[in-house]
Amino acid sequence: MVFNIKEKGYKFIRVGFTNCYLLECNNGYLLIDVGYTGAYQKFVKKLKKKYDINISEIKYLLLTHHHDDHSGFANELRRNTGAKLIINEQSLEGLKIGKPDEESKPINRRIKFIVGIFSLFHKFIFPPIIPTENDIILTDSGLMTEVLREIGINGTILYTPGHSQDGISVILQDGSVYPGDNTMNAWYFNIFGIKKRPIYVQDINLIFKSWEKYIKLGGIIIYPSHGKAFNISKLKTNLAQYQNK
């Protein structure tokens, strides 16, 4: 059976290459990730046109990790909404300097070539983000079950490194999984043989362990930050192939 984002009724705005997901919470919405710096106004217009949601209705902003395509216009959104950040403690240094603070490698030579061309025009930086005492800094390295439930979302935050050292994911009780960049399904990456893996990794074994977490905790549909939603059976199949190599 083929699933897509609209079939389950979840809201998302795609800005550039990034899917920004909206989950209903107490008195508004939690937003999962933002797009590149400079995409804020486009996001606001799409949000109003597509869902008739005002930007002021966003009460929380969860960043799955600190890379620029997920954190780019976070400051602008916070300034205009007062939204509270939800971030991993390990994101603090990267957010503070406004660029990746770790080394990662392309998943294969074809991706290395494509990203090398892209980097001639893009610097992978964003305005530094300094959390305040009102923000939520996650320090538990395992399952964080209370944070979302306290704001009216029936789900859990998982610590899922692999793509980056600070990666976190969200899994809802209904089986919806928001993995950030720990898995991808964009056609413009798939043609280069990534097979649901991220295009950049720190530790591929941690990626596979994250996939195993999604499966073990009852994940059904994966909502990646890049590309279309897909059934978790794809991860199960690919995981079995990789483990048998």
Protein backbone atom coordinates (compact mmCIF):
# COMPACT_ATOMS: atom_id res chain seq x y z
CA MET A 1 0.00 0.00 0.00
CA VAL A 2 1.32 3.44 -0.89
CA PHE A 3 1.04 6.23 1.65
CA ASN A 4 1.64 9.91 1.27
CA ILE A 5 1.58 12.88 3.58
CA LYS A 6 -1.89 14.11 2.63
CA GLU A 7 -3.60 10.76 3.17
CA LYS A 8 -3.05 10.92 6.93
CA GLY A 9 -4.03 14.55 7.15
CA TYR A 10 -0.79 15.92 8.51
CA LYS A 11 0.21 19.42 7.61
CA PHE A 12 3.51 20.33 6.02
CA ILE A 13 5.07 23.20 4.14
CA ARG A 14 7.90 22.51 1.71
CA VAL A 15 10.36 25.37 1.44
CA GLY A 16 13.29 24.72 -0.87
CA PHE A 17 14.39 21.14 -0.24
CA THR A 18 12.97 20.89 3.28
CA ASN A 19 9.61 19.60 4.52
CA CYS A 20 8.49 21.54 7.59
CA TYR A 21 5.83 19.57 9.49
CA LEU A 22 3.10 20.99 11.71
CA LEU A 23 1.63 18.99 14.58
CA GLU A 24 -1.37 20.26 16.51
CA CYS A 25 -0.58 20.99 20.15
CA ASN A 26 -2.10 22.95 23.03
CA ASN A 27 -3.38 26.27 21.68
CA GLY A 28 -1.62 26.00 18.34
CA TYR A 29 1.07 24.07 16.50
CA LEU A 30 4.47 22.56 16.95
CA LEU A 31 6.64 23.05 13.87
CA ILE A 32 9.29 20.45 13.07
CA ASP A 33 12.25 22.20 11.40
CA VAL A 34 12.48 25.28 9.22
CA GLY A 35 14.10 25.87 5.82
CA TYR A 36 17.09 27.85 4.63
CA THR A 37 17.84 31.39 5.72
CA GLY A 38 15.82 33.77 3.55
CA ALA A 39 12.85 31.42 3.13
CA TYR A 40 10.81 32.79 6.03
CA GLN A 41 8.42 35.00 4.04
CA LYS A 42 7.78 32.21 1.56
CA PHE A 43 6.97 29.90 4.46
CA VAL A 44 4.55 32.41 6.01
CA LYS A 45 2.70 32.90 2.70
CA LYS A 46 2.44 29.17 2.03
CA LEU A 47 1.22 28.52 5.58
CA LYS A 48 -1.59 31.03 5.20
CA LYS A 49 -2.54 30.04 1.66
CA LYS A 50 -2.43 26.28 2.14
CA TYR A 51 -3.92 25.92 5.63
CA ASP A 52 -5.17 29.39 6.62
CA ILE A 53 -2.80 29.28 9.59
CA ASN A 54 -1.28 32.48 10.89
CA ILE A 55 2.37 32.39 11.86
CA SER A 56 1.40 33.42 15.40
CA GLU A 57 -0.25 30.01 15.87
CA ILE A 58 3.16 28.30 15.96
CA LYS A 59 3.93 27.86 19.65
CA TYR A 60 6.91 25.48 19.51
CA LEU A 61 9.76 24.84 17.09
CA LEU A 62 11.52 21.48 17.27
CA LEU A 63 14.82 21.25 15.40
CA THR A 64 15.78 17.69 14.49
CA HIS A 65 19.41 18.85 14.18
CA HIS A 66 21.40 22.02 13.70
CA HIS A 67 22.15 22.01 9.93
CA ASP A 68 21.27 25.10 7.91
CA ASP A 69 18.46 23.53 5.90
CA HIS A 70 16.66 22.80 9.19
CA SER A 71 17.63 25.84 11.26
CA GLY A 72 18.01 28.62 8.68
CA PHE A 73 15.15 30.98 9.49
CA ALA A 74 14.60 29.81 13.08
CA ASN A 75 15.58 33.16 14.56
CA GLU A 76 13.17 35.07 12.36
CA LEU A 77 10.34 32.71 13.20
CA ARG A 78 11.08 32.91 16.93
CA ARG A 79 11.24 36.69 16.80
CA ASN A 80 7.83 36.95 15.14
CA THR A 81 6.01 34.23 17.05
CA GLY A 82 7.66 33.82 20.44
CA ALA A 83 7.78 30.07 19.71
CA LYS A 84 9.76 28.01 22.20
CA LEU A 85 12.65 25.96 20.86
CA ILE A 86 12.84 22.23 21.51
CA ILE A 87 16.40 21.07 20.80
CA ASN A 88 18.94 18.47 21.77
CA GLU A 89 21.61 19.69 24.18
CA GLN A 90 24.17 18.50 21.65
CA SER A 91 22.82 21.00 19.11
CA LEU A 92 23.89 23.98 21.23
CA GLU A 93 27.40 24.45 19.88
CA GLY A 94 26.41 24.16 16.22
CA LEU A 95 23.48 26.54 16.69
CA LYS A 96 25.71 28.99 18.55
CA ILE A 97 28.24 29.23 15.70
CA GLY A 98 25.65 28.97 12.91
CA LYS A 99 27.24 26.11 10.98
CA PRO A 100 27.87 22.37 11.28
CA ASP A 101 30.26 21.61 14.09
CA GLU A 102 31.10 18.04 13.12
CA GLU A 103 32.57 16.15 10.21
CA SER A 104 30.38 13.93 8.07
CA LYS A 105 30.97 12.13 4.81
CA PRO A 106 28.96 11.78 1.57
CA ILE A 107 27.23 8.43 1.31
CA ASN A 108 28.86 7.72 -2.07
CA ARG A 109 31.06 9.31 -4.73
CA ARG A 110 28.15 10.52 -6.84
CA ILE A 111 26.69 12.44 -3.90
CA LYS A 112 30.15 13.82 -3.12
CA PHE A 113 30.35 15.22 -6.65
CA ILE A 114 26.86 16.77 -6.59
CA VAL A 115 27.31 18.34 -3.16
CA GLY A 116 30.70 19.63 -4.24
CA ILE A 117 29.02 21.52 -7.09
CA PHE A 118 26.29 22.82 -4.76
CA SER A 119 28.90 24.04 -2.25
CA LEU A 120 30.32 26.40 -4.89
CA PHE A 121 27.11 28.43 -4.51
CA HIS A 122 26.06 27.65 -0.94
CA LYS A 123 28.02 28.13 2.29
CA PHE A 124 25.98 25.93 4.68
CA ILE A 125 25.72 28.65 7.33
CA PHE A 126 22.82 30.35 9.13
CA PRO A 127 22.29 33.10 11.71
CA PRO A 128 23.52 31.82 15.10
CA ILE A 129 20.76 30.71 17.46
CA ILE A 130 21.03 31.35 21.18
CA PRO A 131 18.38 29.59 23.28
CA THR A 132 16.73 31.38 26.19
CA GLU A 133 15.60 30.14 29.58
CA ASN A 134 12.11 29.66 28.12
CA ASP A 135 13.30 27.11 25.58
CA ILE A 136 13.35 23.35 26.11
CA ILE A 137 16.81 21.75 26.04
CA LEU A 138 16.72 17.97 25.93
CA THR A 139 19.43 16.24 27.94
CA ASP A 140 18.19 12.64 28.07
CA SER A 141 20.11 10.47 25.61
CA GLY A 142 17.34 7.88 25.35
CA LEU A 143 13.57 8.25 25.09
CA MET A 144 11.99 11.55 26.03
CA THR A 145 8.34 10.75 26.56
CA GLU A 146 7.02 13.65 28.62
CA VAL A 147 8.07 16.68 26.56
CA LEU A 148 5.51 16.26 23.78
CA ARG A 149 2.75 14.97 26.00
CA GLU A 150 2.99 18.04 28.21
CA ILE A 151 2.10 20.19 25.20
CA GLY A 152 -0.73 17.97 24.01
CA ILE A 153 1.02 15.70 21.49
CA ASN A 154 0.81 11.95 22.00
CA GLY A 155 4.32 11.04 21.01
CA THR A 156 7.94 10.55 21.98
CA ILE A 157 11.22 12.23 21.08
CA LEU A 158 14.08 9.87 20.33
CA TYR A 159 17.80 10.50 20.35
CA THR A 160 18.86 9.28 16.91
CA PRO A 161 22.42 10.19 15.89
CA GLY A 162 23.92 8.95 12.65
CA HIS A 163 23.43 11.76 10.18
CA SER A 164 24.67 14.19 12.85
CA GLN A 165 25.69 13.75 16.46
CA ASP A 166 22.72 15.79 17.73
CA GLY A 167 19.94 14.15 15.73
CA ILE A 168 16.52 13.66 17.29
CA SER A 169 13.36 12.16 15.83
CA VAL A 170 9.68 12.26 16.72
CA ILE A 171 7.45 9.19 16.73
CA LEU A 172 3.73 9.50 17.42
CA GLN A 173 1.50 6.87 18.95
CA ASP A 174 -0.26 6.39 15.61
CA GLY A 175 3.01 5.23 14.01
CA SER A 176 4.01 8.46 12.29
CA VAL A 177 7.79 8.97 12.33
CA TYR A 178 9.56 12.29 11.73
CA PRO A 179 13.23 11.28 11.37
CA GLY A 180 14.85 14.52 10.26
CA ASP A 181 17.65 13.48 7.91
CA ASN A 182 18.22 9.96 9.21
CA THR A 183 16.41 8.72 6.14
CA MET A 184 15.57 10.45 2.86
CA ASN A 185 13.21 9.81 -0.04
CA ALA A 186 13.73 12.64 -2.51
CA TRP A 187 13.82 11.66 -6.18
CA TYR A 188 16.77 13.98 -6.82
CA PHE A 189 18.79 11.95 -4.29
CA ASN A 190 17.30 8.54 -5.01
CA ILE A 191 18.66 8.58 -8.56
CA PHE A 192 22.13 8.57 -7.03
CA GLY A 193 21.58 5.27 -5.21
CA ILE A 194 21.12 6.37 -1.60
CA LYS A 195 18.38 3.75 -0.95
CA LYS A 196 16.64 5.70 1.83
CA ARG A 197 19.95 6.57 3.54
CA PRO A 198 20.93 10.20 4.20
CA ILE A 199 23.25 11.79 1.66
CA TYR A 200 25.72 12.66 4.43
CA VAL A 201 26.54 10.44 7.41
CA GLN A 202 28.74 10.48 10.47
CA ASP A 203 28.20 6.83 11.31
CA ILE A 204 26.17 4.55 9.05
CA ASN A 205 25.81 1.97 11.81
CA LEU A 206 24.06 4.56 13.97
CA ILE A 207 21.74 5.31 11.05
CA PHE A 208 20.73 1.67 10.95
CA LYS A 209 20.26 1.62 14.74
CA SER A 210 17.93 4.60 14.38
CA TRP A 211 15.94 2.72 11.77
CA GLU A 212 15.70 -0.21 14.18
CA LYS A 213 14.32 2.15 16.84
CA TYR A 214 11.58 3.34 14.47
CA ILE A 215 10.63 -0.25 13.73
CA LYS A 216 10.77 -1.44 17.35
CA LEU A 217 8.61 1.44 18.57
CA GLY A 218 5.84 0.73 16.09
CA GLY A 219 6.61 3.15 13.28
CA ILE A 220 4.33 2.85 10.25
CA ILE A 221 4.82 5.86 8.00
CA ILE A 222 8.08 7.78 7.63
CA TYR A 223 7.80 11.54 7.03
CA PRO A 224 11.33 12.55 5.97
CA SER A 225 12.62 16.09 5.84
CA HIS A 226 13.57 15.56 2.20
CA GLY A 227 11.21 13.78 -0.16
CA LYS A 228 7.89 12.00 0.05
CA ALA A 229 6.46 9.97 2.91
CA PHE A 230 6.81 6.20 2.63
CA ASN A 231 5.87 3.01 4.47
CA ILE A 232 8.39 1.76 7.01
CA SER A 233 8.49 -1.56 5.17
CA LYS A 234 10.98 0.11 2.82
CA LEU A 235 13.36 0.64 5.73
CA LYS A 236 12.88 -2.95 6.87
CA THR A 237 13.76 -4.25 3.41
CA ASN A 238 16.80 -2.02 3.01
CA LEU A 239 17.98 -2.71 6.53
CA ALA A 240 17.90 -6.45 5.91
CA GLN A 241 19.89 -6.01 2.71
CA TYR A 242 22.57 -3.91 4.40
CA GLN A 243 22.88 -6.28 7.36
CA ASN A 244 23.30 -9.27 5.07
CA LYS A 245 26.21 -7.72 3.16
